């Protein structure tokens, strides 16, 4: 009797030990195995078919509305049916003012709601079309998010739109039907009506608004600005009145309190250019030939932000003596490469992907620089005077952003006005540091200036 009890106890302990051993080995083989939340979409998906289909206007709006991830999650859970308006309905038949409203950055949610209103999480093929009519919920989660699907004797329809291409694109995870017009949910129409009637826009001038003296471009009364707030005056009022002059002081979060140390930040980004390599000519311009470094430092100290489009040495070596001989030419060239915004490579690329072409203001009034997507990068300028973003985010500190480009940019008006000269054979010297310094110093010497070093 004692032997049997002892054997049963040993067997029980052995079973418990074996269980924990197997469990421990299982956890060691899969330590903290993360559960993938990103749906996998294959090449035969309805989303891929939509982006490659003849519904180009709809697919372009889907990309601009940043809906691909949302639709990938929807397709991974269930089949979907897409009612795709024809290109003419989105391009010509739609009210231009309404389309402009949808494409404004602040109305991204309205654009998303409009597109999701054309999709239902159910697969409906033409042979199974409900004869008596049926209501289906859409992927749009707001009120009035249903579509009335009906089949009359002469035609099939969805709400107020007629089906013009049944089963146009059929895939395992979804189906696309072509419709003749755009379906607009009531909430999107209401947002547009409110915007058009200015109900949601406040146009009341607040009391105590700062007044600028047009003669001096200074504030008539000093305004207290909290630390970290944007400056009161536009950046152009804080710029120096001319080349080689100190900038006019502008009220802002910097000043005597030194909330921003702009001089140190400018020195940091110039040192970064030198350590990065390939931008020595630009550093020479900023430090030796102009007072731009001092001016940029004071602007940043006053709370302004800047994005520098920095041409590399190879691009600077292509500048001719004629382009640099005019007084203040280096400053004017550099002003056209300074954008009074804080932009990174990611923000600029997302902007050109969504809106096509972007016109960025520059510190060279009134000229703007055009940016667009090209070859998976951002291209600035137009025609032969364009430059690509080749070295992204060389320096980013929240106030100054430096983006390396492979060309020197000029305003389009100057490119068109430049006379066409006969090609002249010349030997191009190998680019080296200080070439631009020698050209400009020689030009200054011809005007009886002292030689510079």
Protein backbone atom coordinates (compact mmCIF):
# COMPACT_ATOMS: atom_id res chain seq x y z
CA UNK A 1 0.00 0.00 0.00
CA UNK A 2 2.79 2.39 0.85
CA UNK A 3 4.63 1.47 -2.35
CA UNK A 4 1.58 2.27 -4.48
CA UNK A 5 1.08 5.67 -2.88
CA UNK A 6 4.76 6.48 -3.28
CA UNK A 7 4.67 5.53 -6.97
CA UNK A 8 1.57 7.62 -7.59
CA UNK A 9 3.22 10.64 -5.96
CA UNK A 10 6.34 10.26 -8.09
CA UNK A 11 4.24 9.96 -11.24
CA UNK A 12 2.27 13.09 -10.34
CA UNK A 13 5.43 15.12 -9.66
CA UNK A 14 7.02 13.88 -12.89
CA UNK A 15 3.95 14.97 -14.91
CA UNK A 16 3.96 18.47 -13.37
CA UNK A 17 7.71 18.86 -14.02
CA UNK A 18 7.37 17.73 -17.65
CA UNK A 19 4.51 20.21 -18.22
CA UNK A 20 6.52 23.20 -16.94
CA UNK A 21 9.58 22.09 -18.92
CA UNK A 22 7.65 22.00 -22.20
CA UNK A 23 5.96 25.34 -21.44
CA UNK A 24 9.30 27.00 -20.63
CA UNK A 25 10.88 25.69 -23.83
CA UNK A 26 7.97 27.01 -25.86
CA UNK A 27 8.36 30.49 -24.43
CA UNK A 28 12.11 30.42 -25.03
CA UNK A 29 11.61 29.53 -28.68
CA UNK A 30 9.17 32.39 -29.15
CA UNK A 31 10.28 35.16 -26.80
CA UNK A 32 7.81 38.01 -26.86
CA UNK A 33 6.64 37.18 -30.36
CA UNK A 34 4.89 40.34 -31.53
CA UNK A 35 1.51 40.02 -33.15
CA UNK A 36 1.64 41.67 -36.54
CA UNK A 37 -1.07 44.28 -36.79
CA UNK A 38 -0.15 45.42 -40.31
CA UNK A 39 -2.37 43.64 -42.86
CA UNK A 40 -0.62 41.97 -45.77
CA UNK A 41 -2.07 42.96 -49.15
CA UNK A 42 -1.09 40.86 -52.17
CA UNK A 43 -0.83 41.98 -55.76
CA UNK A 44 -4.26 40.52 -56.57
CA UNK A 45 -6.04 42.82 -54.09
CA UNK A 46 -8.87 45.12 -55.05
CA UNK A 47 -6.85 48.09 -53.72
CA UNK A 48 -3.97 47.40 -56.10
CA UNK A 49 -6.48 47.02 -58.93
CA UNK A 50 -8.10 50.35 -58.05
CA UNK A 51 -4.78 52.23 -58.06
CA UNK A 52 -3.88 50.71 -61.45
CA UNK A 53 -7.36 51.05 -62.98
CA UNK A 54 -8.84 53.57 -65.38
CA UNK A 55 -10.50 55.32 -62.41
CA UNK A 56 -7.50 57.61 -62.19
CA UNK A 57 -9.28 60.55 -60.53
CA UNK A 58 -10.67 58.35 -57.74
CA UNK A 59 -7.37 56.57 -57.11
CA UNK A 60 -5.54 59.92 -56.98
CA UNK A 61 -8.00 61.23 -54.39
CA UNK A 62 -7.58 58.06 -52.32
CA UNK A 63 -3.83 58.64 -52.19
CA UNK A 64 -4.22 62.34 -51.39
CA UNK A 65 -6.68 61.52 -48.61
CA UNK A 66 -4.11 59.15 -46.99
CA UNK A 67 -6.68 56.32 -46.92
CA UNK A 68 -4.56 53.39 -48.08
CA UNK A 69 -3.83 52.08 -44.58
CA UNK A 70 -7.50 52.38 -43.58
CA UNK A 71 -8.61 50.48 -46.67
CA UNK A 72 -5.95 47.81 -46.16
CA UNK A 73 -7.34 47.14 -42.71
CA UNK A 74 -10.90 47.00 -44.11
CA UNK A 75 -9.91 44.56 -46.87
CA UNK A 76 -8.08 42.33 -44.38
CA UNK A 77 -11.31 41.92 -42.38
CA UNK A 78 -13.96 41.48 -45.09
CA UNK A 79 -14.78 41.89 -48.77
CA UNK A 80 -15.64 45.39 -49.93
CA UNK A 81 -17.68 46.84 -52.77
CA UNK A 82 -16.50 50.13 -54.28
CA UNK A 83 -18.83 52.36 -56.27
CA UNK A 84 -16.33 54.28 -58.39
CA UNK A 85 -17.44 57.55 -60.06
CA UNK A 86 -16.21 57.95 -63.62
CA UNK A 87 -13.34 60.34 -64.23
CA UNK A 88 -15.60 62.96 -65.84
CA UNK A 89 -17.77 63.08 -62.70
CA UNK A 90 -14.79 64.02 -60.55
CA UNK A 91 -12.95 66.14 -63.09
CA UNK A 92 -15.58 68.14 -65.00
CA UNK A 93 -19.02 67.53 -63.47
CA UNK A 94 -18.01 68.34 -59.89
CA UNK A 95 -18.35 71.96 -58.73
CA UNK A 96 -14.83 73.49 -58.95
CA UNK A 97 -15.36 75.37 -55.69
CA UNK A 98 -16.44 72.16 -53.95
CA UNK A 99 -13.44 70.27 -55.32
CA UNK A 100 -11.12 73.06 -54.16
CA UNK A 101 -12.73 72.77 -50.72
CA UNK A 102 -12.01 69.02 -50.61
CA UNK A 103 -8.34 69.47 -51.53
CA UNK A 104 -7.58 72.10 -48.90
CA UNK A 105 -5.32 70.72 -46.12
CA UNK A 106 -7.76 71.69 -43.37
CA UNK A 107 -10.59 69.68 -44.98
CA UNK A 108 -8.82 66.31 -45.13
CA UNK A 109 -11.50 64.68 -42.96
CA UNK A 110 -14.27 65.79 -45.34
CA UNK A 111 -12.38 64.27 -48.29
CA UNK A 112 -11.93 61.00 -46.40
CA UNK A 113 -15.63 60.87 -45.47
CA UNK A 114 -16.63 61.49 -49.09
CA UNK A 115 -14.49 58.63 -50.39
CA UNK A 116 -15.45 56.17 -47.65
CA UNK A 117 -19.11 56.92 -48.43
CA UNK A 118 -18.59 55.13 -51.78
CA UNK A 119 -17.48 51.84 -50.15
CA UNK A 120 -19.44 49.18 -48.26
CA UNK A 121 -17.99 46.24 -46.31
CA UNK A 122 -20.03 43.68 -48.29
CA UNK A 123 -19.43 41.95 -51.60
CA UNK A 124 -22.30 42.61 -54.01
CA UNK A 125 -22.06 41.24 -57.54
CA UNK A 126 -24.53 42.12 -60.29
CA UNK A 127 -26.23 38.71 -60.32
CA UNK A 128 -27.02 39.02 -56.60
CA UNK A 129 -28.28 42.59 -56.81
CA UNK A 130 -31.29 43.10 -54.49
CA UNK A 131 -34.46 43.49 -56.56
CA UNK A 132 -36.62 45.17 -53.93
CA UNK A 133 -33.86 47.41 -52.68
CA UNK A 134 -31.70 47.15 -49.60
CA UNK A 135 -29.85 49.55 -47.31
CA UNK A 136 -26.15 48.95 -46.69
CA UNK A 137 -23.85 50.71 -44.24
CA UNK A 138 -20.72 52.27 -45.72
CA UNK A 139 -17.16 52.52 -44.38
CA UNK A 140 -17.94 56.12 -43.44
CA UNK A 141 -18.66 56.08 -39.70
CA UNK A 142 -20.72 59.29 -39.39
CA UNK A 143 -24.44 59.88 -39.45
CA UNK A 144 -26.40 59.13 -42.63
CA UNK A 145 -23.78 56.53 -43.57
CA UNK A 146 -26.03 54.20 -45.58
CA UNK A 147 -26.59 53.65 -49.29
CA UNK A 148 -29.84 52.53 -50.89
CA UNK A 149 -29.12 49.80 -53.43
CA UNK A 150 -31.99 48.97 -55.81
CA UNK A 151 -32.61 47.14 -59.08
CA UNK A 152 -35.28 48.53 -61.37
CA UNK A 153 -36.36 46.86 -64.58
CA UNK A 154 -34.27 49.16 -66.73
CA UNK A 155 -31.22 49.91 -64.57
CA UNK A 156 -29.40 49.24 -61.33
CA UNK A 157 -28.66 52.15 -59.01
CA UNK A 158 -27.05 53.05 -55.72
CA UNK A 159 -28.80 55.95 -53.95
CA UNK A 160 -29.06 58.69 -56.60
CA UNK A 161 -26.37 57.35 -58.95
CA UNK A 162 -26.90 54.96 -61.87
CA UNK A 163 -24.60 51.95 -62.30
CA UNK A 164 -22.92 52.33 -65.70
CA UNK A 165 -20.36 49.47 -65.46
CA UNK A 166 -21.44 46.38 -63.55
CA UNK A 167 -18.69 44.13 -62.16
CA UNK A 168 -16.09 46.34 -63.79
CA UNK A 169 -13.21 44.99 -61.67
CA UNK A 170 -13.56 41.70 -59.78
CA UNK A 171 -10.98 40.47 -57.28
CA UNK A 172 -11.08 37.84 -54.49
CA UNK A 173 -11.31 40.50 -51.76
CA UNK A 174 -13.60 43.01 -53.45
CA UNK A 175 -15.42 44.30 -56.49
CA UNK A 176 -15.74 47.68 -58.25
CA UNK A 177 -18.86 48.99 -60.00
CA UNK A 178 -18.70 52.17 -62.11
CA UNK A 179 -21.28 54.88 -61.34
CA UNK A 180 -22.19 58.01 -63.27
CA UNK A 181 -21.92 60.65 -60.53
CA UNK A 182 -20.37 61.41 -57.14
CA UNK A 183 -22.24 60.52 -53.95
CA UNK A 184 -21.97 63.29 -51.35
CA UNK A 185 -22.91 62.60 -47.70
CA UNK A 186 -24.93 65.25 -45.91
CA UNK A 187 -22.18 66.01 -43.38
CA UNK A 188 -19.65 66.86 -46.12
CA UNK A 189 -22.21 69.03 -47.92
CA UNK A 190 -22.97 70.79 -44.64
CA UNK A 191 -19.27 71.46 -43.99
CA UNK A 192 -18.94 72.96 -47.45
CA UNK A 193 -22.04 75.14 -46.98
CA UNK A 194 -20.76 76.40 -43.65
CA UNK A 195 -17.38 77.26 -45.16
CA UNK A 196 -18.94 79.00 -48.15
CA UNK A 197 -21.30 81.06 -45.98
CA UNK A 198 -18.39 81.98 -43.64
CA UNK A 199 -20.27 80.67 -40.60
CA UNK A 200 -17.23 78.82 -39.33
CA UNK A 201 -14.75 81.63 -40.06
CA UNK A 202 -14.22 84.44 -37.59
CA UNK A 203 -13.24 87.66 -39.34
CA UNK A 204 -13.37 89.91 -36.29
CA UNK A 205 -10.20 91.88 -35.66
CA UNK A 206 -9.26 91.29 -32.01
CA UNK A 207 -8.89 94.28 -29.77
CA UNK A 208 -5.38 95.47 -29.22
CA UNK A 209 -4.07 94.00 -32.46
CA UNK A 210 -0.52 95.19 -33.22
CA UNK A 211 -0.27 98.11 -35.63
CA UNK A 212 2.74 98.43 -37.94
CA UNK A 213 4.08 101.82 -38.93
CA UNK A 214 4.34 101.66 -42.76
CA UNK A 215 7.29 104.09 -42.82
CA UNK A 216 9.58 102.29 -40.37
CA UNK A 217 8.06 98.78 -40.47
CA UNK A 218 8.08 98.82 -36.65
CA UNK A 219 5.26 98.31 -34.21
CA UNK A 220 3.65 101.54 -33.03
CA UNK A 221 3.21 100.08 -29.55
CA UNK A 222 5.37 97.35 -28.02
CA UNK A 223 3.61 94.02 -27.62
CA UNK A 224 4.48 91.50 -24.93
CA UNK A 225 5.03 88.10 -26.51
CA UNK A 226 5.29 84.99 -24.31
CA UNK A 227 8.35 82.80 -24.61
CA UNK A 228 8.08 80.32 -27.46
CA UNK A 229 5.30 82.18 -29.28
CA UNK A 230 5.80 83.12 -32.95
CA UNK A 231 6.94 86.70 -33.65
CA UNK A 232 4.34 89.41 -34.17
CA UNK A 233 5.83 90.91 -37.34
CA UNK A 234 6.25 88.99 -40.59
CA UNK A 235 9.75 87.77 -41.33
CA UNK A 236 10.14 90.29 -44.17
CA UNK A 237 9.78 93.20 -41.74
CA UNK A 238 12.60 91.73 -39.65
CA UNK A 239 14.99 91.40 -42.58
CA UNK A 240 17.82 93.83 -43.15
CA UNK A 241 16.84 96.71 -45.48
CA UNK A 242 19.69 95.82 -47.84
CA UNK A 243 22.75 93.58 -48.32
CA UNK A 244 25.59 93.74 -45.79
CA UNK A 245 23.44 95.54 -43.22
CA UNK A 246 22.30 94.33 -39.83
CA UNK A 247 18.66 93.21 -39.65
CA UNK A 248 16.05 95.52 -38.20
CA UNK A 249 14.99 94.37 -34.72
CA UNK A 250 11.58 92.71 -34.52
CA UNK A 251 9.59 91.95 -31.36
CA UNK A 252 9.60 88.27 -30.60
CA UNK A 253 10.39 85.66 -27.99
CA UNK A 254 14.14 86.29 -28.35
CA UNK A 255 15.66 89.70 -27.85
CA UNK A 256 17.29 90.51 -24.50
CA UNK A 257 15.82 87.41 -22.85
CA UNK A 258 17.59 85.05 -25.31
CA UNK A 259 14.90 82.41 -25.39
CA UNK A 260 16.52 81.29 -28.66
CA UNK A 261 20.27 81.48 -29.23
CA UNK A 262 20.17 81.99 -32.98
CA UNK A 263 23.88 82.82 -33.36
CA UNK A 264 24.93 79.48 -31.84
CA UNK A 265 22.42 77.58 -33.96
CA UNK A 266 23.73 79.19 -37.16
CA UNK A 267 27.32 78.36 -36.15
CA UNK A 268 26.26 74.77 -35.45
CA UNK A 269 24.69 74.26 -38.87
CA UNK A 270 27.69 75.83 -40.67
CA UNK A 271 30.03 73.51 -38.75
CA UNK A 272 27.74 70.63 -39.68
CA UNK A 273 28.05 71.58 -43.37
CA UNK A 274 31.85 71.53 -43.10
CA UNK A 275 31.92 68.16 -41.31
CA UNK A 276 29.35 66.71 -43.72
CA UNK A 277 31.57 67.56 -46.69
CA UNK A 278 30.80 68.88 -50.14
CA UNK A 279 29.36 72.23 -49.01
CA UNK A 280 32.49 74.33 -48.42
CA UNK A 281 31.60 76.96 -51.04
CA UNK A 282 28.28 77.67 -49.32
CA UNK A 283 30.02 77.96 -45.96
CA UNK A 284 32.45 80.47 -47.51
CA UNK A 285 29.55 82.62 -48.72
CA UNK A 286 27.83 82.59 -45.35
CA UNK A 287 30.95 83.34 -43.29
CA UNK A 288 33.29 85.41 -45.47
CA UNK A 289 31.43 87.13 -48.29
CA UNK A 290 28.15 88.22 -46.72
CA UNK A 291 26.58 89.09 -43.40
CA UNK A 292 23.93 86.43 -43.91
CA UNK A 293 25.13 84.31 -41.00
CA UNK A 294 24.71 87.23 -38.61
CA UNK A 295 21.33 88.10 -40.09
CA UNK A 296 20.08 84.51 -39.89
CA UNK A 297 21.25 84.29 -36.28
CA UNK A 298 19.28 87.39 -35.32
CA UNK A 299 16.18 86.14 -37.12
CA UNK A 300 16.30 82.82 -35.27
CA UNK A 301 16.90 84.63 -31.97
CA UNK A 302 13.70 86.60 -32.59
CA UNK A 303 11.72 83.38 -33.00
CA UNK A 304 11.66 82.94 -36.77
CA UNK A 305 12.30 79.59 -38.49
CA UNK A 306 14.24 78.97 -41.71
CA UNK A 307 14.78 76.21 -44.24
CA UNK A 308 18.06 76.44 -46.19
CA UNK A 309 18.26 74.86 -49.65
CA UNK A 310 22.03 74.33 -49.71
CA UNK A 311 23.69 73.90 -53.16
CA UNK A 312 26.67 71.54 -53.03
CA UNK A 313 30.19 72.42 -54.22
CA UNK A 314 29.69 70.86 -57.65
CA UNK A 315 26.66 73.11 -58.25
CA UNK A 316 28.43 76.23 -56.94
CA UNK A 317 31.41 75.60 -59.23
CA UNK A 318 29.12 76.04 -62.25
CA UNK A 319 28.39 79.68 -61.39
CA UNK A 320 29.91 82.11 -63.89
CA UNK A 321 31.63 85.43 -63.30
CA UNK A 322 28.69 87.29 -64.85
CA UNK A 323 26.32 85.77 -62.32
CA UNK A 324 28.50 87.00 -59.43
CA UNK A 325 29.76 90.34 -60.74
CA UNK A 326 26.72 92.43 -59.85
CA UNK A 327 26.85 94.14 -56.41
CA UNK A 328 25.03 92.04 -53.84
CA UNK A 329 24.74 89.03 -56.20
CA UNK A 330 25.83 86.40 -53.60
CA UNK A 331 23.27 87.76 -51.14
CA UNK A 332 20.47 87.71 -53.74
CA UNK A 333 21.37 84.14 -54.72
CA UNK A 334 21.31 83.01 -51.10
CA UNK A 335 18.06 84.85 -50.29
CA UNK A 336 16.37 82.77 -53.00
CA UNK A 337 17.54 79.62 -51.19
CA UNK A 338 16.07 80.62 -47.80
CA UNK A 339 12.47 79.57 -47.09
CA UNK A 340 10.80 81.24 -44.06
CA UNK A 341 9.26 77.94 -42.96
CA UNK A 342 10.55 74.89 -41.10
CA UNK A 343 10.43 72.02 -43.57
CA UNK A 344 12.05 68.61 -43.44
CA UNK A 345 12.58 66.15 -46.27
CA UNK A 346 9.54 64.16 -45.07
CA UNK A 347 7.20 67.15 -44.85
CA UNK A 348 8.19 68.48 -48.28
CA UNK A 349 7.92 65.07 -49.94
CA UNK A 350 4.49 64.44 -48.41
CA UNK A 351 3.33 67.88 -49.60
CA UNK A 352 4.40 67.38 -53.21
CA UNK A 353 3.00 63.84 -53.20
CA UNK A 354 -0.41 65.11 -52.14
CA UNK A 355 -0.69 68.49 -53.89
CA UNK A 356 1.55 68.04 -56.95
CA UNK A 357 3.33 71.41 -57.08
CA UNK A 358 4.07 73.63 -54.09
CA UNK A 359 5.16 77.28 -54.23
CA UNK A 360 7.37 78.09 -51.26
CA UNK A 361 7.97 81.69 -50.29
CA UNK A 362 11.60 82.82 -50.22
CA UNK A 363 13.36 85.70 -48.52
CA UNK A 364 13.94 87.18 -51.97
CA UNK A 365 10.68 89.01 -52.52
CA UNK A 366 8.50 88.54 -54.50
CA UNK A 367 10.01 85.37 -55.95
CA UNK A 368 8.84 81.90 -54.96
CA UNK A 369 10.51 78.54 -55.52
CA UNK A 370 8.48 75.71 -57.04
CA UNK A 371 8.73 72.19 -55.63
CA UNK A 372 7.33 68.99 -57.14
CA UNK A 373 7.86 65.24 -56.95
CA UNK A 374 10.31 63.70 -59.39
CA UNK A 375 12.00 60.29 -59.36
CA UNK A 376 11.00 59.60 -55.77
CA UNK A 377 12.53 62.85 -54.53
CA UNK A 378 11.71 66.57 -54.40
CA UNK A 379 12.69 68.75 -57.37
CA UNK A 380 12.96 72.52 -56.99
CA UNK A 381 12.72 75.00 -59.85
CA UNK A 382 11.68 74.40 -63.45
CA UNK A 383 13.36 73.41 -66.68
CA UNK A 384 17.14 73.46 -66.92
CA UNK A 385 17.44 75.56 -63.76
CA UNK A 386 16.01 72.85 -61.51
CA UNK A 387 17.72 71.09 -58.62
CA UNK A 388 17.03 67.83 -56.81
CA UNK A 389 17.06 67.24 -53.06
CA UNK A 390 20.06 64.91 -52.79
CA UNK A 391 21.19 65.25 -49.15
CA UNK A 392 18.08 65.39 -46.94
CA UNK A 393 18.07 66.70 -43.38
CA UNK A 394 21.74 67.64 -43.13
CA UNK A 395 20.84 69.75 -40.10
CA UNK A 396 17.49 69.96 -38.26
CA UNK A 397 17.16 71.51 -34.82
CA UNK A 398 13.55 72.69 -34.81
CA UNK A 399 14.45 76.24 -35.89
CA UNK A 400 16.84 75.75 -38.84
CA UNK A 401 16.53 73.00 -41.44
CA UNK A 402 19.25 72.44 -44.06
CA UNK A 403 18.46 70.41 -47.19
CA UNK A 404 21.23 69.70 -49.71
CA UNK A 405 20.41 70.24 -53.40
CA UNK A 406 22.47 69.54 -56.54
CA UNK A 407 21.95 72.88 -58.30
CA UNK A 408 21.87 76.64 -57.80
CA UNK A 409 18.34 78.00 -58.18
CA UNK A 410 17.37 81.22 -59.93
CA UNK A 411 13.92 82.83 -60.30
CA UNK A 412 12.12 81.80 -63.47
CA UNK A 413 11.94 85.44 -64.62
CA UNK A 414 15.73 85.73 -64.61
CA UNK A 415 16.17 82.46 -66.49
CA UNK A 416 13.79 83.65 -69.24
CA UNK A 417 15.41 87.11 -69.42
CA UNK A 418 18.97 85.80 -69.69
CA UNK A 419 20.36 86.33 -73.24
CA UNK A 420 21.21 83.25 -75.24
CA UNK A 421 24.94 83.39 -75.95
CA UNK A 422 26.89 81.34 -78.43
CA UNK A 423 28.60 78.35 -76.85
CA UNK A 424 32.20 79.07 -75.96
CA UNK A 425 34.72 76.32 -75.50
CA UNK A 426 36.36 76.62 -72.11
CA UNK A 427 38.28 74.46 -69.74
CA UNK A 428 36.42 73.87 -66.48
CA UNK A 429 38.76 73.65 -63.53
CA UNK A 430 38.26 70.98 -60.94
CA UNK A 431 35.92 72.29 -58.20
CA UNK A 432 37.81 73.15 -55.07
CA UNK A 433 37.18 75.05 -51.90
CA UNK A 434 37.42 78.84 -52.19
CA UNK A 435 36.79 79.16 -55.95
CA UNK A 436 33.79 81.40 -55.38
CA UNK A 437 35.83 83.49 -52.94
CA UNK A 438 38.48 84.13 -55.59
CA UNK A 439 35.91 85.17 -58.23
CA UNK A 440 34.10 87.63 -55.98
CA UNK A 441 37.29 89.04 -54.46
CA UNK A 442 38.64 89.67 -57.95
CA UNK A 443 35.43 91.48 -58.86
CA UNK A 444 35.65 93.61 -55.72
CA UNK A 445 39.28 94.45 -56.55
CA UNK A 446 38.25 95.82 -59.92
CA UNK A 447 36.13 98.41 -58.07
CA UNK A 448 39.19 99.62 -56.06
CA UNK A 449 38.22 97.66 -52.95
CA UNK A 450 40.88 96.26 -50.69
CA UNK A 451 41.85 92.70 -51.36
CA UNK A 452 40.04 90.13 -49.22
CA UNK A 453 41.48 86.94 -47.77
